[in-house]
């Protein structure tokens, strides 16, 4: 079984039922509280609170604890890549994935060619 860190993009696509992301439902997956926040916001914006809560609780059990080092490393990564529009949430998620040695699952084009990324287009 493979392990993946689900960024907000990936969780939103899963919630929308995107077929390209279905196979990851059978893998061991993780996320962060920040990504969960972005998921909830996107789903109440695009759907409704009931659907947002359904997926919030589905993914909540996959949250990895954020350590001080993740924040330090994510800040350095964002600063080093300041010409690229990485969000704070994306940076911390990517660095958590690197720290745990798991693939960062996303469809965000900024990550397409980075190491340790599983890039899935819509």
C-alpha atoms as a PDB file:
ATOM      1  CA  UNK A   1       0.000   0.000   0.000  1.00  0.00           C
ATOM      2  CA  UNK A   2       1.316   3.426  -0.948  1.00  0.00           C
ATOM      3  CA  UNK A   3       1.164   6.462   1.333  1.00  0.00           C
ATOM      4  CA  UNK A   4       0.100   9.926   0.200  1.00  0.00           C
ATOM      5  CA  UNK A   5      -0.329  13.358   1.690  1.00  0.00           C
ATOM      6  CA  UNK A   6      -3.566  14.793   0.302  1.00  0.00           C
ATOM      7  CA  UNK A   7      -3.357  18.486  -0.406  1.00  0.00           C
ATOM      8  CA  UNK A   8      -6.520  20.561  -0.576  1.00  0.00           C
ATOM      9  CA  UNK A   9      -6.716  20.213  -4.360  1.00  0.00           C
ATOM     10  CA  UNK A  10      -6.689  16.418  -4.108  1.00  0.00           C
ATOM     11  CA  UNK A  11      -9.336  16.300  -1.371  1.00  0.00           C
ATOM     12  CA  UNK A  12     -11.606  18.665  -3.310  1.00  0.00           C
ATOM     13  CA  UNK A  13     -11.288  16.509  -6.432  1.00  0.00           C
ATOM     14  CA  UNK A  14     -12.077  13.408  -4.366  1.00  0.00           C
ATOM     15  CA  UNK A  15     -15.139  15.158  -2.921  1.00  0.00           C
ATOM     16  CA  UNK A  16     -16.257  16.114  -6.447  1.00  0.00           C
ATOM     17  CA  UNK A  17     -15.979  12.462  -7.491  1.00  0.00           C
ATOM     18  CA  UNK A  18     -13.131  12.939  -9.967  1.00  0.00           C
ATOM     19  CA  UNK A  19     -12.416   9.472 -11.379  1.00  0.00           C
ATOM     20  CA  UNK A  20      -8.671  10.168 -11.623  1.00  0.00           C
ATOM     21  CA  UNK A  21      -8.484  10.426  -7.821  1.00  0.00           C
ATOM     22  CA  UNK A  22     -10.629   7.378  -6.964  1.00  0.00           C
ATOM     23  CA  UNK A  23      -7.715   4.966  -6.806  1.00  0.00           C
ATOM     24  CA  UNK A  24      -6.197   6.958  -3.942  1.00  0.00           C
ATOM     25  CA  UNK A  25      -9.184   6.182  -1.725  1.00  0.00           C
ATOM     26  CA  UNK A  26      -7.750   2.684  -1.302  1.00  0.00           C
ATOM     27  CA  UNK A  27      -4.320   3.942  -0.265  1.00  0.00           C
ATOM     28  CA  UNK A  28      -3.072   5.143   3.104  1.00  0.00           C
ATOM     29  CA  UNK A  29      -3.613   8.905   3.050  1.00  0.00           C
ATOM     30  CA  UNK A  30      -2.886  11.828   5.342  1.00  0.00           C
ATOM     31  CA  UNK A  31      -3.450  15.579   5.421  1.00  0.00           C
ATOM     32  CA  UNK A  32      -3.084  18.606   7.688  1.00  0.00           C
ATOM     33  CA  UNK A  33      -5.549  20.739   9.598  1.00  0.00           C
ATOM     34  CA  UNK A  34      -4.772  23.621   7.195  1.00  0.00           C
ATOM     35  CA  UNK A  35      -5.726  21.506   4.183  1.00  0.00           C
ATOM     36  CA  UNK A  36      -8.874  20.408   5.960  1.00  0.00           C
ATOM     37  CA  UNK A  37      -9.748  24.065   6.518  1.00  0.00           C
ATOM     38  CA  UNK A  38      -9.306  24.817   2.786  1.00  0.00           C
ATOM     39  CA  UNK A  39     -11.417  21.775   1.884  1.00  0.00           C
ATOM     40  CA  UNK A  40     -14.244  22.830   4.175  1.00  0.00           C
ATOM     41  CA  UNK A  41     -14.204  26.389   2.822  1.00  0.00           C
ATOM     42  CA  UNK A  42     -14.262  25.223  -0.824  1.00  0.00           C
ATOM     43  CA  UNK A  43     -17.130  22.821  -0.206  1.00  0.00           C
ATOM     44  CA  UNK A  44     -19.369  25.302   1.644  1.00  0.00           C
ATOM     45  CA  UNK A  45     -18.613  27.827  -1.115  1.00  0.00           C
ATOM     46  CA  UNK A  46     -19.365  25.424  -3.986  1.00  0.00           C
ATOM     47  CA  UNK A  47     -21.957  23.117  -2.403  1.00  0.00           C
ATOM     48  CA  UNK A  48     -23.375  23.424   1.101  1.00  0.00           C
ATOM     49  CA  UNK A  49     -22.552  22.961   4.763  1.00  0.00           C
ATOM     50  CA  UNK A  50     -23.899  19.406   4.897  1.00  0.00           C
ATOM     51  CA  UNK A  51     -21.554  18.196   2.154  1.00  0.00           C
ATOM     52  CA  UNK A  52     -18.674  20.217   3.623  1.00  0.00           C
ATOM     53  CA  UNK A  53     -19.132  18.577   7.033  1.00  0.00           C
ATOM     54  CA  UNK A  54     -19.448  15.109   5.510  1.00  0.00           C
ATOM     55  CA  UNK A  55     -16.040  15.366   3.853  1.00  0.00           C
ATOM     56  CA  UNK A  56     -14.536  17.291   6.775  1.00  0.00           C
ATOM     57  CA  UNK A  57     -15.218  14.363   9.102  1.00  0.00           C
ATOM     58  CA  UNK A  58     -14.178  11.818   6.475  1.00  0.00           C
ATOM     59  CA  UNK A  59     -10.728  13.399   6.155  1.00  0.00           C
ATOM     60  CA  UNK A  60     -10.330  14.591   9.756  1.00  0.00           C
ATOM     61  CA  UNK A  61      -9.115  11.176  10.907  1.00  0.00           C
ATOM     62  CA  UNK A  62      -6.164  11.498   8.489  1.00  0.00           C
ATOM     63  CA  UNK A  63      -4.623  14.622  10.027  1.00  0.00           C
ATOM     64  CA  UNK A  64      -0.914  14.506  10.804  1.00  0.00           C
ATOM     65  CA  UNK A  65       0.407  16.548  13.696  1.00  0.00           C
ATOM     66  CA  UNK A  66       2.287  19.673  12.609  1.00  0.00           C
ATOM     67  CA  UNK A  67       5.688  19.909  14.243  1.00  0.00           C
ATOM     68  CA  UNK A  68       7.800  23.019  14.746  1.00  0.00           C
ATOM     69  CA  UNK A  69      10.289  21.738  12.157  1.00  0.00           C
ATOM     70  CA  UNK A  70       7.534  21.547   9.541  1.00  0.00           C
ATOM     71  CA  UNK A  71       6.820  25.248  10.040  1.00  0.00           C
ATOM     72  CA  UNK A  72      10.516  26.141   9.930  1.00  0.00           C
ATOM     73  CA  UNK A  73      11.151  24.056   6.802  1.00  0.00           C
ATOM     74  CA  UNK A  74       7.982  25.255   5.041  1.00  0.00           C
ATOM     75  CA  UNK A  75       8.931  28.887   5.668  1.00  0.00           C
ATOM     76  CA  UNK A  76      12.394  28.320   4.201  1.00  0.00           C
ATOM     77  CA  UNK A  77      10.864  26.509   1.215  1.00  0.00           C
ATOM     78  CA  UNK A  78       8.397  29.357   0.575  1.00  0.00           C
ATOM     79  CA  UNK A  79      11.151  31.960   0.848  1.00  0.00           C
ATOM     80  CA  UNK A  80      13.464  29.994  -1.454  1.00  0.00           C
ATOM     81  CA  UNK A  81      10.626  29.712  -4.003  1.00  0.00           C
ATOM     82  CA  UNK A  82       9.113  33.166  -3.551  1.00  0.00           C
ATOM     83  CA  UNK A  83       8.772  33.668  -7.321  1.00  0.00           C
ATOM     84  CA  UNK A  84       6.308  30.773  -7.421  1.00  0.00           C
ATOM     85  CA  UNK A  85       2.830  31.328  -5.985  1.00  0.00           C
ATOM     86  CA  UNK A  86       2.903  28.579  -3.369  1.00  0.00           C
ATOM     87  CA  UNK A  87       0.338  29.107  -0.630  1.00  0.00           C
ATOM     88  CA  UNK A  88       1.344  28.744   2.997  1.00  0.00           C
ATOM     89  CA  UNK A  89      -0.888  25.686   3.230  1.00  0.00           C
ATOM     90  CA  UNK A  90       0.731  24.095   0.178  1.00  0.00           C
ATOM     91  CA  UNK A  91       4.207  24.742   1.552  1.00  0.00           C
ATOM     92  CA  UNK A  92       3.532  23.197   4.932  1.00  0.00           C
ATOM     93  CA  UNK A  93       1.725  20.240   3.390  1.00  0.00           C
ATOM     94  CA  UNK A  94       4.585  19.557   0.996  1.00  0.00           C
ATOM     95  CA  UNK A  95       7.167  19.759   3.774  1.00  0.00           C
ATOM     96  CA  UNK A  96       5.109  17.509   6.060  1.00  0.00           C
ATOM     97  CA  UNK A  97       4.973  14.958   3.233  1.00  0.00           C
ATOM     98  CA  UNK A  98       8.731  15.212   2.725  1.00  0.00           C
ATOM     99  CA  UNK A  99       9.355  14.860   6.466  1.00  0.00           C
ATOM    100  CA  UNK A 100       7.248  11.702   6.659  1.00  0.00           C
ATOM    101  CA  UNK A 101       8.669  10.296   3.419  1.00  0.00           C
ATOM    102  CA  UNK A 102       5.325  10.137   1.624  1.00  0.00           C
ATOM    103  CA  UNK A 103       4.194  11.426  -1.780  1.00  0.00           C
ATOM    104  CA  UNK A 104       2.430  14.798  -1.975  1.00  0.00           C
ATOM    105  CA  UNK A 105      -0.754  14.219  -4.002  1.00  0.00           C
ATOM    106  CA  UNK A 106      -1.909  17.290  -5.906  1.00  0.00           C
ATOM    107  CA  UNK A 107      -3.104  18.701  -9.189  1.00  0.00           C
ATOM    108  CA  UNK A 108      -1.613  22.142  -8.519  1.00  0.00           C
ATOM    109  CA  UNK A 109       0.570  22.927 -11.534  1.00  0.00           C
ATOM    110  CA  UNK A 110       3.257  24.578  -9.371  1.00  0.00           C
ATOM    111  CA  UNK A 111       4.145  21.147  -7.960  1.00  0.00           C
ATOM    112  CA  UNK A 112       4.135  19.174 -11.208  1.00  0.00           C
ATOM    113  CA  UNK A 113       7.912  18.840 -11.522  1.00  0.00           C
ATOM    114  CA  UNK A 114       8.954  18.729  -7.867  1.00  0.00           C
ATOM    115  CA  UNK A 115      10.375  15.602  -6.249  1.00  0.00           C
ATOM    116  CA  UNK A 116       8.125  13.394  -4.115  1.00  0.00           C
ATOM    117  CA  UNK A 117       4.972  14.648  -5.848  1.00  0.00           C
ATOM    118  CA  UNK A 118       2.200  12.559  -7.349  1.00  0.00           C
ATOM    119  CA  UNK A 119       0.731  14.996  -9.856  1.00  0.00           C
ATOM    120  CA  UNK A 120      -2.759  14.243 -11.175  1.00  0.00           C
ATOM    121  CA  UNK A 121      -4.425  16.600 -13.622  1.00  0.00           C
ATOM    122  CA  UNK A 122      -8.178  17.095 -13.564  1.00  0.00           C
END
